[in-house]
């Protein structure tokens, strides 16, 4: 309820404009906000009633490339893809990877969080497509994964699933690490047990490439990050293990998934093209029923157990 109240407040503060449906194939439009955002889009031919995939780029701010990388997912899942461009000039790390929750170390009002733009984008596409209940899924790679992990903690909204792929650091569910790496140094209202409990109940997937095991460009080797593990794959596994352990200890709901794809390194195109991306987004099909990619959102209520996943951890 807390997250829904936040979402409704953000949407009421940001009116949505009527517009034509998105064009078939690649396209773009500008989302009018106080900081207008360029949105790169892709709509499959013959699109009818598929879900919306909101894709988040990495630190290179190459949103158009990410849209192109995501075309395979759009076609496979009969989904609309939209990719917002958070440019480096206006959206430095504090405002992109960390969501604008803090600015210069000070807490910001929720309408100033970057997450407000994302919820506005979802509402805008729903209006454009004439589908007010259109299900939507978030997936981000690297820096985009960092952005989404913190979004899952503070403002997941109505997302059916939030997929965090190969981030350089994770948001561990602990107050023993400072914000960015944990919930330390945040105000009590953003770091208490209710917040941690909501975080573990969020529909979050840690989507990890087992080949992302060496330091590559933009790897976070800060002391706080190194406490999480020596590589991205180690950090993702450690974060999931801590979250699962805390949920069991506290008897809290735990709605996370961990999905691994063998041999894939720090590559958004390969992560998006891997067969496991469908499991990361939509869950494993029940054994008594074949998975139908034309209607993947019907499977989002299935809660796969770890043995169903292609995991080595």
Protein backbone atom coordinates (compact mmCIF):
# COMPACT_ATOMS: atom_id res chain seq x y z
CA UNK A 1 0.00 0.00 0.00
CA UNK A 2 2.86 2.35 0.79
CA UNK A 3 4.36 1.91 -2.68
CA UNK A 4 0.96 2.31 -4.35
CA UNK A 5 0.37 5.56 -2.45
CA UNK A 6 3.74 6.85 -3.62
CA UNK A 7 2.95 5.91 -7.23
CA UNK A 8 -0.47 7.56 -7.16
CA UNK A 9 1.01 10.71 -5.67
CA UNK A 10 3.68 10.88 -8.35
CA UNK A 11 1.19 10.38 -11.16
CA UNK A 12 -1.21 12.97 -9.81
CA UNK A 13 1.65 15.45 -9.73
CA UNK A 14 2.59 14.71 -13.34
CA UNK A 15 -0.34 15.00 -15.78
CA UNK A 16 -0.31 12.64 -18.77
CA UNK A 17 -0.91 14.00 -22.26
CA UNK A 18 -3.10 12.35 -24.88
CA UNK A 19 -1.21 11.22 -27.98
CA UNK A 20 -1.34 8.82 -30.94
CA UNK A 21 -0.29 5.19 -30.48
CA UNK A 22 3.37 4.34 -30.90
CA UNK A 23 4.44 3.59 -34.50
CA UNK A 24 5.21 0.06 -35.63
CA UNK A 25 8.94 -0.63 -35.74
CA UNK A 26 11.60 1.67 -34.26
CA UNK A 27 10.63 5.17 -33.19
CA UNK A 28 11.11 7.85 -30.59
CA UNK A 29 9.20 10.55 -28.78
CA UNK A 30 9.82 13.14 -26.09
CA UNK A 31 8.29 12.66 -22.67
CA UNK A 32 7.33 16.14 -21.44
CA UNK A 33 8.48 16.64 -17.87
CA UNK A 34 10.38 19.39 -16.09
CA UNK A 35 13.38 17.60 -17.64
CA UNK A 36 12.10 16.43 -21.07
CA UNK A 37 13.30 12.89 -21.75
CA UNK A 38 13.92 11.27 -25.14
CA UNK A 39 12.28 7.85 -25.35
CA UNK A 40 13.40 5.27 -27.93
CA UNK A 41 10.69 2.77 -28.84
CA UNK A 42 9.99 -0.42 -30.73
CA UNK A 43 6.59 -1.94 -31.53
CA UNK A 44 6.32 -5.30 -33.31
CA UNK A 45 4.17 -5.57 -36.42
CA UNK A 46 0.85 -7.16 -35.60
CA UNK A 47 1.09 -6.01 -31.98
CA UNK A 48 -2.24 -6.49 -30.19
CA UNK A 49 -2.21 -6.74 -26.41
CA UNK A 50 1.29 -7.66 -25.28
CA UNK A 51 3.08 -6.23 -22.26
CA UNK A 52 5.28 -3.15 -22.00
CA UNK A 53 9.03 -3.64 -21.43
CA UNK A 54 10.80 -0.59 -20.06
CA UNK A 55 14.53 -1.06 -20.64
CA UNK A 56 17.29 0.86 -18.82
CA UNK A 57 20.67 1.54 -20.38
CA UNK A 58 24.13 1.35 -18.85
CA UNK A 59 26.65 4.00 -17.89
CA UNK A 60 27.38 4.88 -21.54
CA UNK A 61 23.85 6.36 -21.81
CA UNK A 62 23.37 4.58 -25.15
CA UNK A 63 19.60 4.31 -25.02
CA UNK A 64 19.15 3.92 -28.78
CA UNK A 65 21.57 0.97 -28.82
CA UNK A 66 19.71 -0.60 -25.92
CA UNK A 67 16.48 -0.24 -27.85
CA UNK A 68 18.12 -2.09 -30.72
CA UNK A 69 19.44 -4.76 -28.36
CA UNK A 70 15.89 -5.22 -27.03
CA UNK A 71 14.17 -5.71 -30.41
CA UNK A 72 14.61 -9.48 -30.10
CA UNK A 73 12.73 -9.43 -26.79
CA UNK A 74 10.00 -7.27 -28.31
CA UNK A 75 9.47 -9.72 -31.15
CA UNK A 76 9.74 -12.86 -29.03
CA UNK A 77 7.37 -11.67 -26.32
CA UNK A 78 5.12 -9.57 -28.61
CA UNK A 79 5.86 -6.61 -26.37
CA UNK A 80 6.33 -2.88 -26.78
CA UNK A 81 9.81 -1.74 -25.77
CA UNK A 82 10.58 1.77 -24.53
CA UNK A 83 14.01 2.98 -23.45
CA UNK A 84 14.36 6.35 -21.70
CA UNK A 85 17.59 8.27 -22.21
CA UNK A 86 19.06 9.54 -18.94
CA UNK A 87 21.91 11.66 -20.25
CA UNK A 88 25.10 12.10 -18.24
CA UNK A 89 24.84 15.88 -18.08
CA UNK A 90 21.54 15.97 -16.22
CA UNK A 91 21.54 12.50 -14.67
CA UNK A 92 24.87 11.89 -13.02
CA UNK A 93 25.33 8.79 -10.86
CA UNK A 94 23.50 10.27 -7.87
CA UNK A 95 20.44 10.93 -9.99
CA UNK A 96 20.59 7.89 -12.29
CA UNK A 97 22.15 4.84 -10.64
CA UNK A 98 20.96 5.96 -7.19
CA UNK A 99 17.62 7.31 -8.33
CA UNK A 100 17.88 10.85 -6.97
CA UNK A 101 16.81 9.68 -3.51
CA UNK A 102 19.67 11.81 -2.18
CA UNK A 103 21.12 14.97 -3.73
CA UNK A 104 24.43 16.15 -2.30
CA UNK A 105 23.81 13.72 0.54
CA UNK A 106 20.41 15.16 1.46
CA UNK A 107 17.08 13.32 1.08
CA UNK A 108 14.84 14.58 -1.71
CA UNK A 109 11.07 14.67 -1.91
CA UNK A 110 9.58 11.75 -3.80
CA UNK A 111 8.49 13.91 -6.72
CA UNK A 112 12.18 14.72 -7.29
CA UNK A 113 13.22 11.07 -7.50
CA UNK A 114 14.09 9.89 -11.01
CA UNK A 115 11.61 7.07 -10.45
CA UNK A 116 8.80 9.62 -10.87
CA UNK A 117 9.83 10.00 -14.52
CA UNK A 118 9.60 6.24 -15.06
CA UNK A 119 6.09 6.02 -13.62
CA UNK A 120 5.11 8.99 -15.77
CA UNK A 121 6.48 7.16 -18.82
CA UNK A 122 4.44 4.02 -18.07
CA UNK A 123 1.29 6.11 -17.66
CA UNK A 124 2.00 7.94 -20.93
CA UNK A 125 2.42 4.74 -22.96
CA UNK A 126 -0.75 3.31 -21.46
CA UNK A 127 -2.64 6.40 -22.62
CA UNK A 128 -1.06 6.31 -26.07
CA UNK A 129 -2.01 2.65 -26.52
CA UNK A 130 -5.45 3.04 -24.94
CA UNK A 131 -4.70 0.33 -22.38
CA UNK A 132 -4.94 1.72 -18.84
CA UNK A 133 -4.22 -1.70 -17.29
CA UNK A 134 -1.33 -2.59 -19.62
CA UNK A 135 1.07 -4.83 -17.63
CA UNK A 136 4.64 -3.60 -17.55
CA UNK A 137 8.04 -5.03 -16.73
CA UNK A 138 11.37 -3.30 -16.06
CA UNK A 139 14.77 -4.64 -17.11
CA UNK A 140 18.08 -2.83 -16.79
CA UNK A 141 21.68 -3.86 -17.38
CA UNK A 142 24.78 -2.67 -15.50
CA UNK A 143 24.11 0.93 -14.39
CA UNK A 144 20.48 0.40 -15.41
CA UNK A 145 20.40 -2.58 -13.08
CA UNK A 146 21.68 -0.44 -10.22
CA UNK A 147 18.91 2.07 -10.90
CA UNK A 148 16.26 -0.64 -10.81
CA UNK A 149 17.53 -2.34 -7.64
CA UNK A 150 17.04 0.90 -5.72
CA UNK A 151 13.73 1.48 -7.46
CA UNK A 152 12.55 -1.92 -6.21
CA UNK A 153 13.34 -0.78 -2.67
CA UNK A 154 11.66 2.61 -2.76
CA UNK A 155 9.20 2.97 -5.65
CA UNK A 156 8.41 -0.26 -7.57
CA UNK A 157 4.91 0.94 -8.38
CA UNK A 158 2.79 -1.60 -10.25
CA UNK A 159 5.62 -3.33 -12.12
CA UNK A 160 4.94 -7.03 -12.61
CA UNK A 161 8.66 -7.79 -12.46
CA UNK A 162 11.86 -5.76 -12.03
CA UNK A 163 14.92 -7.41 -13.59
CA UNK A 164 18.36 -6.31 -12.43
CA UNK A 165 21.05 -7.60 -14.80
CA UNK A 166 24.78 -7.62 -14.02
CA UNK A 167 25.05 -4.44 -11.92
CA UNK A 168 28.50 -3.48 -10.67
CA UNK A 169 27.15 -3.18 -7.14
CA UNK A 170 23.95 -4.25 -5.39
CA UNK A 171 21.66 -2.79 -2.75
CA UNK A 172 22.16 -5.24 0.09
CA UNK A 173 19.27 -5.42 2.59
CA UNK A 174 21.35 -4.19 5.51
CA UNK A 175 21.96 -0.95 7.36
CA UNK A 176 25.61 -1.91 7.87
CA UNK A 177 26.58 -0.54 4.44
CA UNK A 178 26.05 3.10 3.37
CA UNK A 179 23.36 3.97 0.86
CA UNK A 180 24.13 2.79 -2.61
CA UNK A 181 25.47 -0.46 -1.21
CA UNK A 182 22.98 -0.84 1.66
CA UNK A 183 20.51 1.25 3.64
CA UNK A 184 22.96 2.88 6.02
CA UNK A 185 23.04 6.68 6.43
CA UNK A 186 19.47 7.02 5.15
CA UNK A 187 16.68 8.62 7.23
CA UNK A 188 14.74 6.20 9.39
CA UNK A 189 11.74 6.46 7.08
CA UNK A 190 13.84 5.11 4.19
CA UNK A 191 15.76 2.44 6.10
CA UNK A 192 13.52 0.95 8.78
CA UNK A 193 12.32 -2.65 8.90
CA UNK A 194 9.14 -1.78 6.99
CA UNK A 195 11.26 -0.58 4.06
CA UNK A 196 13.49 -3.67 4.16
CA UNK A 197 10.43 -5.88 4.36
CA UNK A 198 8.91 -4.16 1.33
CA UNK A 199 12.18 -4.53 -0.56
CA UNK A 200 12.26 -8.30 0.00
CA UNK A 201 8.62 -8.55 -1.04
CA UNK A 202 9.23 -6.66 -4.30
CA UNK A 203 8.98 -8.64 -7.58
CA UNK A 204 12.75 -8.45 -8.13
CA UNK A 205 14.89 -10.74 -10.28
CA UNK A 206 18.68 -10.77 -10.07
CA UNK A 207 19.63 -11.82 -13.59
CA UNK A 208 23.30 -12.78 -13.62
CA UNK A 209 25.76 -13.85 -16.29
CA UNK A 210 28.10 -16.49 -14.89
CA UNK A 211 30.87 -15.19 -17.18
CA UNK A 212 30.73 -11.73 -15.55
CA UNK A 213 33.52 -12.80 -13.25
CA UNK A 214 36.34 -10.37 -14.03
CA UNK A 215 36.74 -6.64 -13.64
CA UNK A 216 35.77 -4.88 -16.86
CA UNK A 217 35.32 -1.22 -17.73
CA UNK A 218 33.36 0.76 -15.12
CA UNK A 219 33.69 -2.02 -12.54
CA UNK A 220 33.15 -0.59 -9.06
CA UNK A 221 36.29 -1.43 -7.08
CA UNK A 222 35.60 0.96 -4.20
CA UNK A 223 36.08 -0.41 -0.66
CA UNK A 224 32.32 -0.65 -0.07
CA UNK A 225 31.76 -2.48 -3.35
CA UNK A 226 34.61 -4.89 -2.69
CA UNK A 227 32.91 -5.89 0.57
CA UNK A 228 30.11 -7.27 -1.59
CA UNK A 229 32.39 -9.58 -3.56
CA UNK A 230 35.29 -9.68 -6.01
CA UNK A 231 33.16 -9.77 -9.16
CA UNK A 232 29.66 -8.94 -10.37
CA UNK A 233 28.55 -12.57 -10.30
CA UNK A 234 29.83 -13.00 -6.73
CA UNK A 235 28.05 -9.83 -5.61
CA UNK A 236 24.75 -10.86 -7.13
CA UNK A 237 24.84 -14.28 -5.51
CA UNK A 238 25.84 -12.78 -2.15
CA UNK A 239 23.03 -10.21 -2.29
CA UNK A 240 20.45 -12.86 -3.08
CA UNK A 241 21.73 -15.13 -0.30
CA UNK A 242 21.61 -12.32 2.27
CA UNK A 243 18.09 -11.32 1.21
CA UNK A 244 16.77 -14.88 1.33
CA UNK A 245 18.39 -15.46 4.73
CA UNK A 246 16.96 -12.25 6.19
CA UNK A 247 13.47 -13.04 4.91
CA UNK A 248 13.61 -16.52 6.46
CA UNK A 249 14.92 -15.18 9.76
CA UNK A 250 12.25 -12.48 9.99
CA UNK A 251 9.51 -14.66 8.45
CA UNK A 252 8.94 -11.99 5.80
CA UNK A 253 7.59 -12.54 2.30
CA UNK A 254 10.35 -13.13 -0.24
CA UNK A 255 9.44 -12.56 -3.89
CA UNK A 256 12.90 -12.33 -5.43
CA UNK A 257 14.22 -14.66 -8.10
CA UNK A 258 17.81 -15.44 -9.06
CA UNK A 259 18.30 -16.46 -12.68
CA UNK A 260 21.72 -17.20 -14.14
CA UNK A 261 22.76 -17.64 -17.75
CA UNK A 262 25.86 -19.75 -18.26
CA UNK A 263 28.97 -18.26 -19.79
CA UNK A 264 27.59 -14.79 -20.53
CA UNK A 265 29.79 -11.89 -19.45
CA UNK A 266 29.11 -8.20 -19.05
CA UNK A 267 27.07 -7.85 -22.25
CA UNK A 268 23.58 -6.41 -22.52
CA UNK A 269 22.96 -7.86 -26.02
CA UNK A 270 23.86 -11.36 -24.86
CA UNK A 271 21.85 -11.10 -21.64
CA UNK A 272 18.80 -9.89 -23.59
CA UNK A 273 19.21 -12.64 -26.21
CA UNK A 274 19.75 -15.51 -23.76
CA UNK A 275 16.87 -17.96 -23.39
CA UNK A 276 16.85 -17.35 -19.64
CA UNK A 277 15.65 -13.76 -20.07
CA UNK A 278 12.10 -15.07 -20.39
CA UNK A 279 12.41 -16.80 -17.02
CA UNK A 280 13.91 -13.66 -15.49
CA UNK A 281 10.99 -11.56 -16.70
CA UNK A 282 8.00 -13.87 -16.65
CA UNK A 283 8.87 -16.90 -14.55
CA UNK A 284 9.11 -20.56 -15.31
CA UNK A 285 6.13 -22.25 -16.93
CA UNK A 286 4.28 -24.84 -14.87
CA UNK A 287 5.41 -28.33 -15.84
CA UNK A 288 1.89 -29.22 -16.93
CA UNK A 289 1.70 -26.36 -19.42
CA UNK A 290 3.93 -25.14 -22.22
CA UNK A 291 5.22 -21.60 -21.96
CA UNK A 292 3.45 -19.39 -24.50
CA UNK A 293 5.63 -16.34 -25.32
CA UNK A 294 2.63 -14.65 -26.95
CA UNK A 295 1.10 -14.19 -23.50
CA UNK A 296 4.07 -14.20 -21.09
CA UNK A 297 2.45 -11.93 -18.54
CA UNK A 298 -0.04 -14.69 -17.73
CA UNK A 299 2.84 -16.56 -16.13
CA UNK A 300 4.04 -13.72 -13.92
CA UNK A 301 1.99 -15.04 -11.01
CA UNK A 302 3.91 -18.31 -11.06
CA UNK A 303 6.58 -18.35 -8.40
CA UNK A 304 9.40 -20.54 -9.69
CA UNK A 305 11.51 -22.39 -7.18
CA UNK A 306 15.27 -22.33 -7.47
CA UNK A 307 15.53 -25.79 -9.04
CA UNK A 308 13.56 -24.60 -12.08
CA UNK A 309 16.17 -21.97 -12.87
CA UNK A 310 19.32 -22.44 -14.96
CA UNK A 311 21.45 -21.51 -11.95
CA UNK A 312 24.87 -22.73 -10.90
CA UNK A 313 24.88 -20.79 -7.64
